[in-house]
Amino acid sequence: MPIAKLNYARTNKDPLWMIIISIVIGSVLVVYPLAYDTSGWRPSVMLMIMLFWILYQPVWCGIWFAFAMGIFVDLLLDAPLGLNALSFVLICFSTRYFIRERRILTFGNSWVIAIIAITAHLTFLWMAQTIAGTHFSIARHWQPLITGILAWPVIYYCLHKWRI
């Protein structure tokens, strides 16, 4: 009597190279020169890339990954060292804390998490810059919120093959 063999062999999708490639592409998008009128609309690409890997590859990317990404963004943007790192670590920790019991993370759930994370990041940067006495246009500070919300589906679509 023939016995059917179930083939459960999954291909091991090692995301290391895709993580590196996404960080390189994100860093190019962060430092790419734009006109002054359009540079205010630049989304927080590195934050969204970090958030994607935190959400969908929690084994590979954790708090130290968020810290390293934040330091890297600080160096790219010539920001005070540790400003983005602290923001990324706080967002990473709170995201992991609040989704620790979620088994299925749908696209809609991740989009809501991304909206909350982008808003929290921009609020943190606004508070830190206000405390430091940096003067800037408040309308220009919140422009990346809109483009970040609209850019999350693009980042999700580009990286969704490497989800767990």
Foldseek 3Di string as FASTA:
>chain_A
DDDDDDDPDDDDDDCPVVLVVQLVVLLCLLQPDDDPVCNLLRANSLLLSLLVCLVFVVVVHALVNQLVSQQVVCVSVVHPRCQSSVLSNVLRVVVCVVCVPPPDQDPVNSLVSQLVSSVSSLVSVVVVCVVVVNDDDPVSSCNNSVVSSVCNVVSCVVPVVPGD
